[in-house]
Each structure stands twice: as C-alpha cells, then as structure tokens.
PDB file of N, CA and C in Angstrom:
ATOM      1  N   MET A   1      70.575 102.879 116.596  1.00  0.00           N
ATOM      2  CA  MET A   1      71.696 102.863 115.672  1.00  0.00           C
ATOM      3  C   MET A   1      72.125 101.412 115.423  1.00  0.00           C
ATOM      4  N   SER A   2      72.178 101.006 114.178  1.00  0.00           N
ATOM      5  CA  SER A   2      72.556  99.633 113.856  1.00  0.00           C
ATOM      6  C   SER A   2      74.076  99.531 113.738  1.00  0.00           C
ATOM      7  N   THR A   3      74.574  98.336 114.031  1.00  0.00           N
ATOM      8  CA  THR A   3      76.008  98.119 113.907  1.00  0.00           C
ATOM      9  C   THR A   3      76.329  97.826 112.447  1.00  0.00           C
ATOM     10  N   PRO A   4      77.465  98.304 111.956  1.00  0.00           N
ATOM     11  CA  PRO A   4      77.812  98.057 110.550  1.00  0.00           C
ATOM     12  C   PRO A   4      78.049  96.572 110.300  1.00  0.00           C
ATOM     13  N   GLU A   5      77.702  96.140 109.111  1.00  0.00           N
ATOM     14  CA  GLU A   5      77.899  94.744 108.716  1.00  0.00           C
ATOM     15  C   GLU A   5      79.397  94.468 108.554  1.00  0.00           C
ATOM     16  N   LEU A   6      79.873  93.423 109.198  1.00  0.00           N
ATOM     17  CA  LEU A   6      81.282  93.054 109.088  1.00  0.00           C
ATOM     18  C   LEU A   6      81.510  92.276 107.794  1.00  0.00           C
ATOM     19  N   PRO A   7      82.685  92.417 107.180  1.00  0.00           N
ATOM     20  CA  PRO A   7      82.945  91.711 105.921  1.00  0.00           C
ATOM     21  C   PRO A   7      83.119  90.204 106.091  1.00  0.00           C
ATOM     22  N   ILE A   8      83.383  89.759 107.321  1.00  0.00           N
ATOM     23  CA  ILE A   8      83.534  88.318 107.578  1.00  0.00           C
ATOM     24  C   ILE A   8      82.920  88.006 108.935  1.00  0.00           C
ATOM     25  N   LYS A   9      82.297  86.846 109.037  1.00  0.00           N
ATOM     26  CA  LYS A   9      81.654  86.448 110.289  1.00  0.00           C
ATOM     27  C   LYS A   9      82.574  85.527 111.090  1.00  0.00           C
ATOM     28  N   PHE A  10      82.403  85.557 112.401  1.00  0.00           N
ATOM     29  CA  PHE A  10      83.158  84.759 113.362  1.00  0.00           C
ATOM     30  C   PHE A  10      82.098  83.984 114.143  1.00  0.00           C
ATOM     31  N   SER A  11      81.948  82.689 113.861  1.00  0.00           N
ATOM     32  CA  SER A  11      80.858  81.916 114.463  1.00  0.00           C
ATOM     33  C   SER A  11      81.039  81.763 115.971  1.00  0.00           C
ATOM     34  N   ASP A  12      79.909  81.508 116.647  1.00  0.00           N
ATOM     35  CA  ASP A  12      79.953  81.262 118.090  1.00  0.00           C
ATOM     36  C   ASP A  12      80.824  80.045 118.400  1.00  0.00           C
ATOM     37  N   ALA A  13      80.720  79.004 117.562  1.00  0.00           N
ATOM     38  CA  ALA A  13      81.505  77.776 117.787  1.00  0.00           C
ATOM     39  C   ALA A  13      83.005  78.067 117.695  1.00  0.00           C
ATOM     40  N   ALA A  14      83.410  78.873 116.698  1.00  0.00           N
ATOM     41  CA  ALA A  14      84.820  79.212 116.538  1.00  0.00           C
ATOM     42  C   ALA A  14      85.294  80.059 117.715  1.00  0.00           C
ATOM     43  N   ALA A  15      84.490  81.047 118.121  1.00  0.00           N
ATOM     44  CA  ALA A  15      84.870  81.906 119.246  1.00  0.00           C
ATOM     45  C   ALA A  15      84.998  81.091 120.528  1.00  0.00           C
ATOM     46  N   SER A  16      84.089  80.156 120.752  1.00  0.00           N
ATOM     47  CA  SER A  16      84.145  79.308 121.948  1.00  0.00           C
ATOM     48  C   SER A  16      85.400  78.445 121.959  1.00  0.00           C
ATOM     49  N   LYS A  17      85.759  77.877 120.793  1.00  0.00           N
ATOM     50  CA  LYS A  17      86.956  77.035 120.714  1.00  0.00           C
ATOM     51  C   LYS A  17      88.210  77.872 120.927  1.00  0.00           C
ATOM     52  N   VAL A  18      88.262  79.073 120.337  1.00  0.00           N
ATOM     53  CA  VAL A  18      89.408  79.972 120.544  1.00  0.00           C
ATOM     54  C   VAL A  18      89.531  80.288 122.030  1.00  0.00           C
ATOM     55  N   HIS A  19      88.410  80.573 122.674  1.00  0.00           N
ATOM     56  CA  HIS A  19      88.428  80.884 124.111  1.00  0.00           C
ATOM     57  C   HIS A  19      88.990  79.708 124.900  1.00  0.00           C
ATOM     58  N   ALA A  20      88.550  78.501 124.568  1.00  0.00           N
ATOM     59  CA  ALA A  20      89.036  77.304 125.272  1.00  0.00           C
ATOM     60  C   ALA A  20      90.533  77.104 125.061  1.00  0.00           C
ATOM     61  N   LEU A  21      91.008  77.298 123.833  1.00  0.00           N
ATOM     62  CA  LEU A  21      92.439  77.114 123.534  1.00  0.00           C
ATOM     63  C   LEU A  21      93.292  78.175 124.221  1.00  0.00           C
ATOM     64  N   ILE A  22      92.819  79.406 124.239  1.00  0.00           N
ATOM     65  CA  ILE A  22      93.567  80.492 124.894  1.00  0.00           C
ATOM     66  C   ILE A  22      93.631  80.240 126.403  1.00  0.00           C
ATOM     67  N   THR A  23      92.531  79.783 126.971  1.00  0.00           N
ATOM     68  CA  THR A  23      92.500  79.461 128.405  1.00  0.00           C
ATOM     69  C   THR A  23      93.493  78.348 128.709  1.00  0.00           C
ATOM     70  N   GLU A  24      93.536  77.345 127.836  1.00  0.00           N
ATOM     71  CA  GLU A  24      94.467  76.219 127.987  1.00  0.00           C
ATOM     72  C   GLU A  24      95.918  76.696 127.940  1.00  0.00           C
ATOM     73  N   GLU A  25      96.203  77.649 127.058  1.00  0.00           N
ATOM     74  CA  GLU A  25      97.568  78.184 126.912  1.00  0.00           C
ATOM     75  C   GLU A  25      97.929  79.180 128.012  1.00  0.00           C
ATOM     76  N   GLU A  26      96.918  79.621 128.762  1.00  0.00           N
ATOM     77  CA  GLU A  26      97.104  80.592 129.833  1.00  0.00           C
ATOM     78  C   GLU A  26      97.755  81.879 129.340  1.00  0.00           C
ATOM     79  N   ASN A  27      97.355  82.319 128.131  1.00  0.00           N
ATOM     80  CA  ASN A  27      97.863  83.566 127.562  1.00  0.00           C
ATOM     81  C   ASN A  27      96.688  84.357 126.984  1.00  0.00           C
ATOM     82  N   PRO A  28      96.101  85.267 127.777  1.00  0.00           N
ATOM     83  CA  PRO A  28      94.929  86.014 127.315  1.00  0.00           C
ATOM     84  C   PRO A  28      95.222  86.991 126.171  1.00  0.00           C
ATOM     85  N   ASN A  29      96.499  87.190 125.833  1.00  0.00           N
ATOM     86  CA  ASN A  29      96.864  88.094 124.738  1.00  0.00           C
ATOM     87  C   ASN A  29      96.775  87.443 123.365  1.00  0.00           C
ATOM     88  N   LEU A  30      96.553  86.124 123.310  1.00  0.00           N
ATOM     89  CA  LEU A  30      96.496  85.428 122.028  1.00  0.00           C
ATOM     90  C   LEU A  30      95.208  85.770 121.281  1.00  0.00           C
ATOM     91  N   LYS A  31      95.333  85.871 119.956  1.00  0.00           N
ATOM     92  CA  LYS A  31      94.215  86.122 119.060  1.00  0.00           C
ATOM     93  C   LYS A  31      94.287  85.100 117.925  1.00  0.00           C
ATOM     94  N   LEU A  32      93.137  84.737 117.373  1.00  0.00           N
ATOM     95  CA  LEU A  32      93.114  83.835 116.221  1.00  0.00           C
ATOM     96  C   LEU A  32      93.385  84.661 114.971  1.00  0.00           C
ATOM     97  N   ARG A  33      94.473  84.361 114.282  1.00  0.00           N
ATOM     98  CA  ARG A  33      94.791  85.043 113.024  1.00  0.00           C
ATOM     99  C   ARG A  33      94.376  84.121 111.879  1.00  0.00           C
ATOM    100  N   VAL A  34      93.534  84.658 110.989  1.00  0.00           N
ATOM    101  CA  VAL A  34      93.065  83.932 109.810  1.00  0.00           C
ATOM    102  C   VAL A  34      93.713  84.595 108.607  1.00  0.00           C
ATOM    103  N   TYR A  35      94.282  83.792 107.703  1.00  0.00           N
ATOM    104  CA  TYR A  35      94.959  84.376 106.545  1.00  0.00           C
ATOM    105  C   TYR A  35      94.808  83.481 105.327  1.00  0.00           C
ATOM    106  N   VAL A  36      95.094  84.081 104.178  1.00  0.00           N
ATOM    107  CA  VAL A  36      95.048  83.370 102.902  1.00  0.00           C
ATOM    108  C   VAL A  36      96.442  83.446 102.299  1.00  0.00           C
ATOM    109  N   THR A  37      96.941  82.314 101.814  1.00  0.00           N
ATOM    110  CA  THR A  37      98.233  82.283 101.134  1.00  0.00           C
ATOM    111  C   THR A  37      98.068  81.583  99.792  1.00  0.00           C
ATOM    112  N   GLY A  38      99.023  81.800  98.903  1.00  0.00           N
ATOM    113  CA  GLY A  38      99.035  81.078  97.637  1.00  0.00           C
ATOM    114  C   GLY A  38      99.459  79.647  97.894  1.00  0.00           C
ATOM    115  N   GLY A  39      98.926  78.734  97.115  1.00  0.00           N
ATOM    116  CA  GLY A  39      99.325  77.337  97.264  1.00  0.00           C
ATOM    117  C   GLY A  39      98.119  76.442  97.453  1.00  0.00           C
ATOM    118  N   GLY A  40      98.366  75.255  97.944  1.00  0.00           N
ATOM    119  CA  GLY A  40      97.291  74.282  98.098  1.00  0.00           C
ATOM    120  C   GLY A  40      96.939  73.696  96.737  1.00  0.00           C
ATOM    121  N   CYS A  41      96.039  72.745  96.725  1.00  0.00           N
ATOM    122  CA  CYS A  41      95.707  72.075  95.465  1.00  0.00           C
ATOM    123  C   CYS A  41      94.762  72.899  94.595  1.00  0.00           C
ATOM    124  N   SER A  42      94.223  74.021  95.116  1.00  0.00           N
ATOM    125  CA  SER A  42      93.294  74.819  94.322  1.00  0.00           C
ATOM    126  C   SER A  42      93.766  76.252  94.058  1.00  0.00           C
ATOM    127  N   GLY A  43      94.983  76.604  94.453  1.00  0.00           N
ATOM    128  CA  GLY A  43      95.498  77.941  94.145  1.00  0.00           C
ATOM    129  C   GLY A  43      95.709  78.825  95.353  1.00  0.00           C
ATOM    130  N   PHE A  44      94.765  78.829  96.290  1.00  0.00           N
ATOM    131  CA  PHE A  44      94.884  79.569  97.545  1.00  0.00           C
ATOM    132  C   PHE A  44      94.573  78.614  98.679  1.00  0.00           C
ATOM    133  N   GLN A  45      95.119  78.912  99.859  1.00  0.00           N
ATOM    134  CA  GLN A  45      94.753  78.094 101.003  1.00  0.00           C
ATOM    135  C   GLN A  45      94.565  78.964 102.234  1.00  0.00           C
ATOM    136  N   TYR A  46      93.701  78.472 103.136  1.00  0.00           N
ATOM    137  CA  TYR A  46      93.415  79.167 104.381  1.00  0.00           C
ATOM    138  C   TYR A  46      94.450  78.774 105.418  1.00  0.00           C
ATOM    139  N   GLY A  47      94.770  79.709 106.280  1.00  0.00           N
ATOM    140  CA  GLY A  47      95.669  79.416 107.382  1.00  0.00           C
ATOM    141  C   GLY A  47      95.095  79.971 108.673  1.00  0.00           C
ATOM    142  N   PHE A  48      95.402  79.293 109.776  1.00  0.00           N
ATOM    143  CA  PHE A  48      94.959  79.706 111.095  1.00  0.00           C
ATOM    144  C   PHE A  48      96.154  79.604 112.033  1.00  0.00           C
ATOM    145  N   THR A  49      96.376  80.640 112.822  1.00  0.00           N
ATOM    146  CA  THR A  49      97.446  80.606 113.797  1.00  0.00           C
ATOM    147  C   THR A  49      97.052  81.486 114.972  1.00  0.00           C
ATOM    148  N   PHE A  50      97.768  81.349 116.075  1.00  0.00           N
ATOM    149  CA  PHE A  50      97.543  82.251 117.203  1.00  0.00           C
ATOM    150  C   PHE A  50      98.650  83.284 117.210  1.00  0.00           C
ATOM    151  N   ASP A  51      98.282  84.520 117.468  1.00  0.00           N
ATOM    152  CA  ASP A  51      99.214  85.645 117.404  1.00  0.00           C
ATOM    153  C   ASP A  51      98.890  86.579 118.560  1.00  0.00           C
ATOM    154  N   GLU A  52      99.931  87.184 119.142  1.00  0.00           N
ATOM    155  CA  GLU A  52      99.716  88.127 120.234  1.00  0.00           C
ATOM    156  C   GLU A  52      99.516  89.549 119.736  1.00  0.00           C
ATOM    157  N   LYS A  53      99.963  89.828 118.506  1.00  0.00           N
ATOM    158  CA  LYS A  53      99.903  91.226 118.069  1.00  0.00           C
ATOM    159  C   LYS A  53      98.922  91.453 116.937  1.00  0.00           C
ATOM    160  N   VAL A  54      98.500  92.695 116.833  1.00  0.00           N
ATOM    161  CA  VAL A  54      97.647  93.152 115.749  1.00  0.00           C
ATOM    162  C   VAL A  54      98.475  94.160 114.963  1.00  0.00           C
ATOM    163  N   ASN A  55      98.637  93.922 113.674  1.00  0.00           N
ATOM    164  CA  ASN A  55      99.427  94.804 112.823  1.00  0.00           C
ATOM    165  C   ASN A  55      98.571  95.939 112.275  1.00  0.00           C
ATOM    166  N   GLU A  56      99.216  97.002 111.859  1.00  0.00           N
ATOM    167  CA  GLU A  56      98.503  98.128 111.271  1.00  0.00           C
ATOM    168  C   GLU A  56      97.735  97.653 110.041  1.00  0.00           C
ATOM    169  N   GLY A  57      96.475  98.025 109.946  1.00  0.00           N
ATOM    170  CA  GLY A  57      95.644  97.630 108.818  1.00  0.00           C
ATOM    171  C   GLY A  57      94.866  96.353 109.043  1.00  0.00           C
ATOM    172  N   ASP A  58      95.211  95.576 110.074  1.00  0.00           N
ATOM    173  CA  ASP A  58      94.483  94.340 110.370  1.00  0.00           C
ATOM    174  C   ASP A  58      93.054  94.647 110.800  1.00  0.00           C
ATOM    175  N   MET A  59      92.123  93.800 110.395  1.00  0.00           N
ATOM    176  CA  MET A  59      90.754  93.892 110.878  1.00  0.00           C
ATOM    177  C   MET A  59      90.629  92.998 112.091  1.00  0.00           C
ATOM    178  N   THR A  60      89.972  93.482 113.129  1.00  0.00           N
ATOM    179  CA  THR A  60      89.742  92.667 114.320  1.00  0.00           C
ATOM    180  C   THR A  60      88.246  92.524 114.536  1.00  0.00           C
ATOM    181  N   ILE A  61      87.842  91.323 114.921  1.00  0.00           N
ATOM    182  CA  ILE A  61      86.447  91.033 115.239  1.00  0.00           C
ATOM    183  C   ILE A  61      86.444  90.347 116.595  1.00  0.00           C
ATOM    184  N   GLU A  62      85.709  90.926 117.528  1.00  0.00           N
ATOM    185  CA  GLU A  62      85.643  90.364 118.874  1.00  0.00           C
ATOM    186  C   GLU A  62      84.320  89.663 119.092  1.00  0.00           C
ATOM    187  N   LYS A  63      84.403  88.529 119.778  1.00  0.00           N
ATOM    188  CA  LYS A  63      83.202  87.763 120.116  1.00  0.00           C
ATOM    189  C   LYS A  63      83.525  86.880 121.307  1.00  0.00           C
ATOM    190  N   LYS A  64      82.628  86.836 122.261  1.00  0.00           N
ATOM    191  CA  LYS A  64      82.773  85.979 123.448  1.00  0.00           C
ATOM    192  C   LYS A  64      84.102  86.203 124.168  1.00  0.00           C
ATOM    193  N   GLY A  65      84.588  87.432 124.151  1.00  0.00           N
ATOM    194  CA  GLY A  65      85.816  87.762 124.879  1.00  0.00           C
ATOM    195  C   GLY A  65      87.106  87.395 124.164  1.00  0.00           C
ATOM    196  N   VAL A  66      87.023  86.973 122.910  1.00  0.00           N
ATOM    197  CA  VAL A  66      88.235  86.662 122.140  1.00  0.00           C
ATOM    198  C   VAL A  66      88.229  87.466 120.842  1.00  0.00           C
ATOM    199  N   THR A  67      89.395  87.544 120.210  1.00  0.00           N
ATOM    200  CA  THR A  67      89.554  88.354 119.010  1.00  0.00           C
ATOM    201  C   THR A  67      90.046  87.517 117.841  1.00  0.00           C
ATOM    202  N   MET A  68      89.439  87.746 116.677  1.00  0.00           N
ATOM    203  CA  MET A  68      89.914  87.171 115.421  1.00  0.00           C
ATOM    204  C   MET A  68      90.545  88.320 114.638  1.00  0.00           C
ATOM    205  N   VAL A  69      91.694  88.073 114.033  1.00  0.00           N
ATOM    206  CA  VAL A  69      92.438  89.082 113.289  1.00  0.00           C
ATOM    207  C   VAL A  69      92.618  88.611 111.845  1.00  0.00           C
ATOM    208  N   VAL A  70      92.381  89.534 110.886  1.00  0.00           N
ATOM    209  CA  VAL A  70      92.566  89.216 109.470  1.00  0.00           C
ATOM    210  C   VAL A  70      93.358  90.354 108.838  1.00  0.00           C
ATOM    211  N   ASP A  71      94.424  90.024 108.117  1.00  0.00           N
ATOM    212  CA  ASP A  71      95.243  91.047 107.467  1.00  0.00           C
ATOM    213  C   ASP A  71      94.531  91.595 106.231  1.00  0.00           C
ATOM    214  N   PRO A  72      94.911  92.815 105.788  1.00  0.00           N
ATOM    215  CA  PRO A  72      94.206  93.455 104.665  1.00  0.00           C
ATOM    216  C   PRO A  72      94.283  92.680 103.346  1.00  0.00           C
ATOM    217  N   MET A  73      95.358  91.978 103.072  1.00  0.00           N
ATOM    218  CA  MET A  73      95.470  91.206 101.834  1.00  0.00           C
ATOM    219  C   MET A  73      94.491  90.032 101.866  1.00  0.00           C
ATOM    220  N   SER A  74      94.382  89.374 103.003  1.00  0.00           N
ATOM    221  CA  SER A  74      93.518  88.199 103.114  1.00  0.00           C
ATOM    222  C   SER A  74      92.041  88.547 103.121  1.00  0.00           C
ATOM    223  N   ILE A  75      91.678  89.682 103.742  1.00  0.00           N
ATOM    224  CA  ILE A  75      90.257  90.008 103.894  1.00  0.00           C
ATOM    225  C   ILE A  75      89.563  90.127 102.546  1.00  0.00           C
ATOM    226  N   GLN A  76      90.282  90.571 101.517  1.00  0.00           N
ATOM    227  CA  GLN A  76      89.652  90.718 100.198  1.00  0.00           C
ATOM    228  C   GLN A  76      89.166  89.388  99.627  1.00  0.00           C
ATOM    229  N   TYR A  77      89.777  88.280 100.041  1.00  0.00           N
ATOM    230  CA  TYR A  77      89.358  86.954  99.573  1.00  0.00           C
ATOM    231  C   TYR A  77      88.280  86.339 100.463  1.00  0.00           C
ATOM    232  N   LEU A  78      88.027  86.953 101.609  1.00  0.00           N
ATOM    233  CA  LEU A  78      87.134  86.366 102.604  1.00  0.00           C
ATOM    234  C   LEU A  78      85.825  87.129 102.798  1.00  0.00           C
ATOM    235  N   VAL A  79      85.595  88.193 102.030  1.00  0.00           N
ATOM    236  CA  VAL A  79      84.394  89.016 102.189  1.00  0.00           C
ATOM    237  C   VAL A  79      83.134  88.150 102.085  1.00  0.00           C
ATOM    238  N   ASP A  80      82.238  88.330 103.025  1.00  0.00           N
ATOM    239  CA  ASP A  80      80.974  87.605 103.144  1.00  0.00           C
ATOM    240  C   ASP A  80      81.142  86.147 103.575  1.00  0.00           C
ATOM    241  N   GLY A  81      82.348  85.770 103.968  1.00  0.00           N
ATOM    242  CA  GLY A  81      82.588  84.413 104.442  1.00  0.00           C
ATOM    243  C   GLY A  81      82.375  84.300 105.939  1.00  0.00           C
ATOM    244  N   GLU A  82      82.600  83.108 106.465  1.00  0.00           N
ATOM    245  CA  GLU A  82      82.469  82.879 107.896  1.00  0.00           C
ATOM    246  C   GLU A  82      83.549  81.913 108.361  1.00  0.00           C
ATOM    247  N   VAL A  83      84.195  82.263 109.466  1.00  0.00           N
ATOM    248  CA  VAL A  83      85.143  81.366 110.108  1.00  0.00           C
ATOM    249  C   VAL A  83      84.352  80.574 111.135  1.00  0.00           C
ATOM    250  N   ASP A  84      84.442  79.256 111.043  1.00  0.00           N
ATOM    251  CA  ASP A  84      83.665  78.377 111.903  1.00  0.00           C
ATOM    252  C   ASP A  84      84.585  77.309 112.484  1.00  0.00           C
ATOM    253  N   TYR A  85      84.070  76.565 113.451  1.00  0.00           N
ATOM    254  CA  TYR A  85      84.778  75.429 114.029  1.00  0.00           C
ATOM    255  C   TYR A  85      83.817  74.260 114.006  1.00  0.00           C
ATOM    256  N   VAL A  86      84.252  73.147 113.447  1.00  0.00           N
ATOM    257  CA  VAL A  86      83.389  71.971 113.354  1.00  0.00           C
ATOM    258  C   VAL A  86      84.078  70.744 113.935  1.00  0.00           C
ATOM    259  N   GLU A  87      83.249  69.859 114.468  1.00  0.00           N
ATOM    260  CA  GLU A  87      83.711  68.558 114.944  1.00  0.00           C
ATOM    261  C   GLU A  87      82.875  67.523 114.212  1.00  0.00           C
ATOM    262  N   GLY A  88      83.550  66.628 113.501  1.00  0.00           N
ATOM    263  CA  GLY A  88      82.812  65.622 112.742  1.00  0.00           C
ATOM    264  C   GLY A  88      83.675  64.420 112.448  1.00  0.00           C
ATOM    265  N   LEU A  89      83.259  63.636 111.470  1.00  0.00           N
ATOM    266  CA  LEU A  89      83.988  62.428 111.110  1.00  0.00           C
ATOM    267  C   LEU A  89      85.397  62.732 110.618  1.00  0.00           C
ATOM    268  N   GLU A  90      85.582  63.907 109.995  1.00  0.00           N
ATOM    269  CA  GLU A  90      86.904  64.286 109.487  1.00  0.00           C
ATOM    270  C   GLU A  90      87.804  64.821 110.596  1.00  0.00           C
ATOM    271  N   GLY A  91      87.284  64.905 111.807  1.00  0.00           N
ATOM    272  CA  GLY A  91      88.045  65.442 112.923  1.00  0.00           C
ATOM    273  C   GLY A  91      87.543  66.831 113.278  1.00  0.00           C
ATOM    274  N   SER A  92      88.256  67.493 114.160  1.00  0.00           N
ATOM    275  CA  SER A  92      87.890  68.829 114.601  1.00  0.00           C
ATOM    276  C   SER A  92      88.788  69.833 113.914  1.00  0.00           C
ATOM    277  N   ARG A  93      88.193  70.945 113.434  1.00  0.00           N
ATOM    278  CA  ARG A  93      89.014  71.917 112.727  1.00  0.00           C
ATOM    279  C   ARG A  93      88.304  73.245 112.569  1.00  0.00           C
ATOM    280  N   PHE A  94      89.104  74.288 112.394  1.00  0.00           N
ATOM    281  CA  PHE A  94      88.574  75.573 111.978  1.00  0.00           C
ATOM    282  C   PHE A  94      88.412  75.504 110.468  1.00  0.00           C
ATOM    283  N   LEU A  95      87.385  76.167 109.943  1.00  0.00           N
ATOM    284  CA  LEU A  95      87.209  76.203 108.497  1.00  0.00           C
ATOM    285  C   LEU A  95      86.580  77.527 108.098  1.00  0.00           C
ATOM    286  N   VAL A  96      86.667  77.829 106.815  1.00  0.00           N
ATOM    287  CA  VAL A  96      86.092  79.047 106.273  1.00  0.00           C
ATOM    288  C   VAL A  96      85.020  78.663 105.265  1.00  0.00           C
ATOM    289  N   SER A  97      83.814  79.193 105.459  1.00  0.00           N
ATOM    290  CA  SER A  97      82.754  79.089 104.445  1.00  0.00           C
ATOM    291  C   SER A  97      82.909  80.336 103.596  1.00  0.00           C
ATOM    292  N   ASN A  98      83.272  80.165 102.332  1.00  0.00           N
ATOM    293  CA  ASN A  98      83.638  81.304 101.499  1.00  0.00           C
ATOM    294  C   ASN A  98      82.798  81.338 100.221  1.00  0.00           C
ATOM    295  N   PRO A  99      81.845  82.283 100.134  1.00  0.00           N
ATOM    296  CA  PRO A  99      81.020  82.358  98.924  1.00  0.00           C
ATOM    297  C   PRO A  99      81.779  82.859  97.695  1.00  0.00           C
ATOM    298  N   ASN A 100      82.988  83.400  97.894  1.00  0.00           N
ATOM    299  CA  ASN A 100      83.795  83.897  96.781  1.00  0.00           C
ATOM    300  C   ASN A 100      84.557  82.792  96.064  1.00  0.00           C
ATOM    301  N   ALA A 101      84.675  81.638  96.687  1.00  0.00           N
ATOM    302  CA  ALA A 101      85.437  80.534  96.101  1.00  0.00           C
ATOM    303  C   ALA A 101      84.626  79.888  94.982  1.00  0.00           C
ATOM    304  N   SER A 102      85.215  79.810  93.803  1.00  0.00           N
ATOM    305  CA  SER A 102      84.522  79.160  92.688  1.00  0.00           C
ATOM    306  C   SER A 102      84.648  77.647  92.786  1.00  0.00           C
ATOM    307  N   SER A 103      85.691  77.176  93.462  1.00  0.00           N
ATOM    308  CA  SER A 103      85.827  75.750  93.738  1.00  0.00           C
ATOM    309  C   SER A 103      86.712  75.578  94.957  1.00  0.00           C
ATOM    310  N   THR A 104      86.542  74.443  95.630  1.00  0.00           N
ATOM    311  CA  THR A 104      87.372  74.114  96.782  1.00  0.00           C
ATOM    312  C   THR A 104      87.874  72.692  96.612  1.00  0.00           C
ATOM    313  N   CYS A 105      88.922  72.371  97.354  1.00  0.00           N
ATOM    314  CA  CYS A 105      89.441  70.998  97.279  1.00  0.00           C
ATOM    315  C   CYS A 105      88.645  70.118  98.235  1.00  0.00           C
ATOM    316  N   GLY A 106      88.879  68.852  98.197  1.00  0.00           N
ATOM    317  CA  GLY A 106      88.149  67.909  99.038  1.00  0.00           C
ATOM    318  C   GLY A 106      88.347  68.145 100.522  1.00  0.00           C
ATOM    319  N   CYS A 107      89.531  68.613 100.922  1.00  0.00           N
ATOM    320  CA  CYS A 107      89.787  68.819 102.345  1.00  0.00           C
ATOM    321  C   CYS A 107      89.211  70.154 102.829  1.00  0.00           C
ATOM    322  N   GLY A 108      88.818  71.043 101.919  1.00  0.00           N
ATOM    323  CA  GLY A 108      88.219  72.312 102.309  1.00  0.00           C
ATOM    324  C   GLY A 108      89.198  73.373 102.751  1.00  0.00           C
ATOM    325  N   SER A 109      90.501  73.089 102.669  1.00  0.00           N
ATOM    326  CA  SER A 109      91.469  74.090 103.131  1.00  0.00           C
ATOM    327  C   SER A 109      92.070  74.905 102.004  1.00  0.00           C
ATOM    328  N   SER A 110      91.766  74.576 100.744  1.00  0.00           N
ATOM    329  CA  SER A 110      92.242  75.416  99.648  1.00  0.00           C
ATOM    330  C   SER A 110      91.091  75.676  98.693  1.00  0.00           C
ATOM    331  N   PHE A 111      91.242  76.764  97.901  1.00  0.00           N
ATOM    332  CA  PHE A 111      90.136  77.204  97.081  1.00  0.00           C
ATOM    333  C   PHE A 111      90.644  77.972  95.858  1.00  0.00           C
ATOM    334  N   THR A 112      89.735  78.201  94.921  1.00  0.00           N
ATOM    335  CA  THR A 112      89.993  78.974  93.714  1.00  0.00           C
ATOM    336  C   THR A 112      88.980  80.112  93.664  1.00  0.00           C
ATOM    337  N   ILE A 113      89.433  81.268  93.209  1.00  0.00           N
ATOM    338  CA  ILE A 113      88.525  82.424  93.043  1.00  0.00           C
ATOM    339  C   ILE A 113      88.107  82.504  91.592  1.00  0.00           C
TER     340      ILE A 113
END
C-alpha cells in the first residue's frame, strides 16, 4: 500500500532545524507553523512561527519526530511546494519553494500567484 502524496513537502533540512530549535527551547509540544498572509512586495508573503496547538482543519506533516502545521487557507497557495531550511551567504532561514508563484521578490519571502 503506497502512502498518499502530500500537498506540500517538508525537507529533511527543515525538519532537522525544527528539531534542533525545539530541543533548544525545551518544549517538545512546539510545531513549525507555516502560513501565507497578504502583503510583502509581491502581494503574498510566507510566515513561519512556532505554535503548540493544532487548529481544526490544519494539515500536519510529521518528519524526524517534529511536526509542521499549515492552515487550510494557506495550504491552497502552497500545493506542490516544499518548506526547506538553507544556510548560505544570505544567512540561515526557512524558505518555501513554490511552483504556484508566478513571481517572487528578491528576498524570497513574498510572491505573486
């Protein structure tokens, strides 16, 4: 039996970083909440926060012992995307690779559909 395809991917790098941050905070109930809001230089922007609760309708994805949570309004903008964590010249950050975005801003945190 195959597992159903998830609408959004949670990279190993992102899951590992979430695990490290949760361990640092000493609160195993924390989950990475990924959301989309209006605003930013391209119309929508990605947001990341830690949250202890899962609301009704939220999608949860577990990996490496941690959970990523996405609300139903945001998931529609993130289908087929991936939440990742990168370390580079621009610094360290969570980011979303989103094939639905018709354009993104230079910082990669806002996008247009």
